[in-house]
Amino acid sequence: QVQLVESGGGSVQAGGSLRLSCVASGSANGFATMGWYRQVPGKQGDLVATITLYGVATYVDSVKGRFTISRDNAKNMVALQMNSLKPEDTAVYYCNARLPGWVTPYWGQGTQVTVSS
C-alpha cells in the first residue's frame, strides 16, 4: 500500500522560510515524478513544483527563485525548501508521487503553511 507522509508545515512571517518533507513508501520499484501541489479553499490550486527521478525540476512561475525542490531516491523522499515566503503562499501543501509507468499520482494528507504579513 502506497503512503505519503508530509511534515514541516507551520506558520511564519513574510520573508521567512519553511522546509516541507514527504516520505513515500509502499513501492518496491520506487517512485517516478514527485511533486508538491497547494490548495486554498475556493481557489484554483497550483502544481507548485515537480522533480523527475533524474532530478529535473519544474516550478510554477510564482515560486521561481524562491522555492527549491529536491529528492533523495534512496529514501523515497521529496523536499520543498521555501524561502522569501509571501502571504499569498498560504495554502495546504500536498505531496504527490507517481509509480513508474503510472499516470495517476498518489497523494499525501496535506500540511498547512501560513504566512503572515
C-alpha atoms as a PDB file:
ATOM      1  CA  GLN A   1       0.000   0.000   0.000  1.00  0.00           C
ATOM      2  CA  VAL A   2       1.462   3.330  -1.085  1.00  0.00           C
ATOM      3  CA  GLN A   3       1.597   6.017   1.567  1.00  0.00           C
ATOM      4  CA  LEU A   4       2.946   9.559   1.519  1.00  0.00           C
ATOM      5  CA  VAL A   5       3.584  11.328   4.804  1.00  0.00           C
ATOM      6  CA  GLU A   6       4.340  15.055   4.864  1.00  0.00           C
ATOM      7  CA  SER A   7       5.936  17.110   7.583  1.00  0.00           C
ATOM      8  CA  GLY A   8       7.310  20.594   8.072  1.00  0.00           C
ATOM      9  CA  GLY A   9       4.349  22.924   7.673  1.00  0.00           C
ATOM     10  CA  GLY A  10       3.642  25.740  10.073  1.00  0.00           C
ATOM     11  CA  SER A  11       3.318  29.476  10.485  1.00  0.00           C
ATOM     12  CA  VAL A  12       5.929  32.042   9.558  1.00  0.00           C
ATOM     13  CA  GLN A  13       6.134  35.752   8.899  1.00  0.00           C
ATOM     14  CA  ALA A  14       6.560  37.125   5.406  1.00  0.00           C
ATOM     15  CA  GLY A  15      10.155  36.836   4.277  1.00  0.00           C
ATOM     16  CA  GLY A  16      10.738  33.732   6.347  1.00  0.00           C
ATOM     17  CA  SER A  17      11.489  30.167   5.333  1.00  0.00           C
ATOM     18  CA  LEU A  18       9.987  26.734   5.783  1.00  0.00           C
ATOM     19  CA  ARG A  19      11.044  23.295   4.590  1.00  0.00           C
ATOM     20  CA  LEU A  20       8.479  20.647   3.729  1.00  0.00           C
ATOM     21  CA  SER A  21       9.380  16.977   3.559  1.00  0.00           C
ATOM     22  CA  CYS A  22       7.482  13.979   2.259  1.00  0.00           C
ATOM     23  CA  VAL A  23       8.427  10.328   2.643  1.00  0.00           C
ATOM     24  CA  ALA A  24       6.780   7.833   0.312  1.00  0.00           C
ATOM     25  CA  SER A  25       6.528   4.114   0.981  1.00  0.00           C
ATOM     26  CA  GLY A  26       4.898   1.011  -0.411  1.00  0.00           C
ATOM     27  CA  SER A  27       6.571   0.745  -3.836  1.00  0.00           C
ATOM     28  CA  ALA A  28       9.134  -1.952  -4.492  1.00  0.00           C
ATOM     29  CA  ASN A  29      10.299  -0.072  -7.612  1.00  0.00           C
ATOM     30  CA  GLY A  30      10.483   3.377  -6.080  1.00  0.00           C
ATOM     31  CA  PHE A  31       8.724   6.406  -7.448  1.00  0.00           C
ATOM     32  CA  ALA A  32       8.939   8.330 -10.690  1.00  0.00           C
ATOM     33  CA  THR A  33       7.988  12.023 -10.754  1.00  0.00           C
ATOM     34  CA  MET A  34       7.300  13.521  -7.329  1.00  0.00           C
ATOM     35  CA  GLY A  35       5.998  16.959  -6.533  1.00  0.00           C
ATOM     36  CA  TRP A  36       4.125  19.454  -4.446  1.00  0.00           C
ATOM     37  CA  TYR A  37       0.688  20.913  -5.017  1.00  0.00           C
ATOM     38  CA  ARG A  38      -1.018  23.612  -2.979  1.00  0.00           C
ATOM     39  CA  GLN A  39      -4.648  24.431  -2.474  1.00  0.00           C
ATOM     40  CA  VAL A  40      -6.525  27.330  -0.938  1.00  0.00           C
ATOM     41  CA  PRO A  41     -10.234  26.594  -0.328  1.00  0.00           C
ATOM     42  CA  GLY A  42     -12.339  28.182  -3.057  1.00  0.00           C
ATOM     43  CA  LYS A  43      -9.397  28.928  -5.331  1.00  0.00           C
ATOM     44  CA  GLN A  44      -7.647  27.171  -8.193  1.00  0.00           C
ATOM     45  CA  GLY A  45      -4.793  25.034  -6.927  1.00  0.00           C
ATOM     46  CA  ASP A  46      -1.188  25.236  -8.103  1.00  0.00           C
ATOM     47  CA  LEU A  47       1.180  22.494  -9.081  1.00  0.00           C
ATOM     48  CA  VAL A  48       3.997  24.224  -7.226  1.00  0.00           C
ATOM     49  CA  ALA A  49       6.959  22.084  -8.243  1.00  0.00           C
ATOM     50  CA  THR A  50       7.811  18.677  -9.661  1.00  0.00           C
ATOM     51  CA  ILE A  51      11.002  16.680  -9.891  1.00  0.00           C
ATOM     52  CA  THR A  52      11.713  13.663 -12.053  1.00  0.00           C
ATOM     53  CA  LEU A  53      13.547  10.532 -10.991  1.00  0.00           C
ATOM     54  CA  TYR A  54      16.700  12.028 -12.508  1.00  0.00           C
ATOM     55  CA  GLY A  55      16.364  15.367 -10.741  1.00  0.00           C
ATOM     56  CA  VAL A  56      14.860  17.579 -13.444  1.00  0.00           C
ATOM     57  CA  ALA A  57      12.777  20.189 -11.645  1.00  0.00           C
ATOM     58  CA  THR A  58       9.953  22.450 -12.790  1.00  0.00           C
ATOM     59  CA  TYR A  59       8.256  25.275 -10.915  1.00  0.00           C
ATOM     60  CA  VAL A  60       5.165  27.398 -11.217  1.00  0.00           C
ATOM     61  CA  ASP A  61       6.185  30.942 -12.137  1.00  0.00           C
ATOM     62  CA  SER A  62       5.078  32.436  -8.832  1.00  0.00           C
ATOM     63  CA  VAL A  63       7.674  30.486  -6.824  1.00  0.00           C
ATOM     64  CA  LYS A  64      10.647  30.508  -9.198  1.00  0.00           C
ATOM     65  CA  GLY A  65      13.752  31.784  -7.471  1.00  0.00           C
ATOM     66  CA  ARG A  66      12.214  31.312  -4.021  1.00  0.00           C
ATOM     67  CA  PHE A  67      11.373  27.600  -3.743  1.00  0.00           C
ATOM     68  CA  THR A  68      13.660  24.638  -4.384  1.00  0.00           C
ATOM     69  CA  ILE A  69      12.502  21.050  -4.773  1.00  0.00           C
ATOM     70  CA  SER A  70      14.840  18.155  -4.132  1.00  0.00           C
ATOM     71  CA  ARG A  71      14.631  14.411  -3.651  1.00  0.00           C
ATOM     72  CA  ASP A  72      16.529  11.522  -2.146  1.00  0.00           C
ATOM     73  CA  ASN A  73      15.745   8.439  -4.202  1.00  0.00           C
ATOM     74  CA  ALA A  74      17.317   6.081  -1.675  1.00  0.00           C
ATOM     75  CA  LYS A  75      14.860   7.301   0.951  1.00  0.00           C
ATOM     76  CA  ASN A  76      11.900   7.913  -1.410  1.00  0.00           C
ATOM     77  CA  MET A  77      11.834  11.429  -0.019  1.00  0.00           C
ATOM     78  CA  VAL A  78      10.981  14.731  -1.663  1.00  0.00           C
ATOM     79  CA  ALA A  79      11.507  18.108  -0.029  1.00  0.00           C
ATOM     80  CA  LEU A  80      10.454  21.673  -0.767  1.00  0.00           C
ATOM     81  CA  GLN A  81      12.625  24.464   0.587  1.00  0.00           C
ATOM     82  CA  MET A  82      10.568  27.639   0.650  1.00  0.00           C
ATOM     83  CA  ASN A  83      12.382  30.941   1.102  1.00  0.00           C
ATOM     84  CA  SER A  84      11.199  34.553   0.958  1.00  0.00           C
ATOM     85  CA  LEU A  85       7.699  33.407   1.769  1.00  0.00           C
ATOM     86  CA  LYS A  86       4.790  35.693   0.959  1.00  0.00           C
ATOM     87  CA  PRO A  87       1.249  35.793   2.381  1.00  0.00           C
ATOM     88  CA  GLU A  88      -0.021  34.505  -0.967  1.00  0.00           C
ATOM     89  CA  ASP A  89       1.936  31.294  -0.380  1.00  0.00           C
ATOM     90  CA  THR A  90      -0.511  30.448   2.396  1.00  0.00           C
ATOM     91  CA  ALA A  91      -2.190  27.154   1.490  1.00  0.00           C
ATOM     92  CA  VAL A  92      -2.408  23.480   2.273  1.00  0.00           C
ATOM     93  CA  TYR A  93       0.532  21.804   0.567  1.00  0.00           C
ATOM     94  CA  TYR A  94       0.165  18.266  -0.721  1.00  0.00           C
ATOM     95  CA  CYS A  95       2.937  15.918  -1.717  1.00  0.00           C
ATOM     96  CA  ASN A  96       2.321  13.646  -4.685  1.00  0.00           C
ATOM     97  CA  ALA A  97       4.211  10.790  -6.293  1.00  0.00           C
ATOM     98  CA  ARG A  98       3.772   8.524  -9.286  1.00  0.00           C
ATOM     99  CA  LEU A  99       4.724   4.907  -9.532  1.00  0.00           C
ATOM    100  CA  PRO A 100       6.987   4.148 -12.507  1.00  0.00           C
ATOM    101  CA  GLY A 101       4.818   3.824 -15.618  1.00  0.00           C
ATOM    102  CA  TRP A 102       1.665   5.047 -13.882  1.00  0.00           C
ATOM    103  CA  VAL A 103      -0.186   8.282 -14.723  1.00  0.00           C
ATOM    104  CA  THR A 104      -2.335   8.775 -11.644  1.00  0.00           C
ATOM    105  CA  PRO A 105      -0.358  10.060  -8.658  1.00  0.00           C
ATOM    106  CA  TYR A 106      -0.707   9.165  -5.012  1.00  0.00           C
ATOM    107  CA  TRP A 107      -1.259  11.989  -2.531  1.00  0.00           C
ATOM    108  CA  GLY A 108      -0.254  12.840   0.983  1.00  0.00           C
ATOM    109  CA  GLN A 109      -2.638  14.135   3.617  1.00  0.00           C
ATOM    110  CA  GLY A 110      -1.529  17.760   3.284  1.00  0.00           C
ATOM    111  CA  THR A 111       0.267  20.165   5.575  1.00  0.00           C
ATOM    112  CA  GLN A 112      -0.782  23.736   6.319  1.00  0.00           C
ATOM    113  CA  VAL A 113       1.553  26.622   5.536  1.00  0.00           C
ATOM    114  CA  THR A 114       0.519  30.022   6.832  1.00  0.00           C
ATOM    115  CA  VAL A 115       2.467  33.184   6.020  1.00  0.00           C
ATOM    116  CA  SER A 116       1.517  36.335   7.875  1.00  0.00           C
ATOM    117  CA  SER A 117       2.279  39.862   6.735  1.00  0.00           C
END
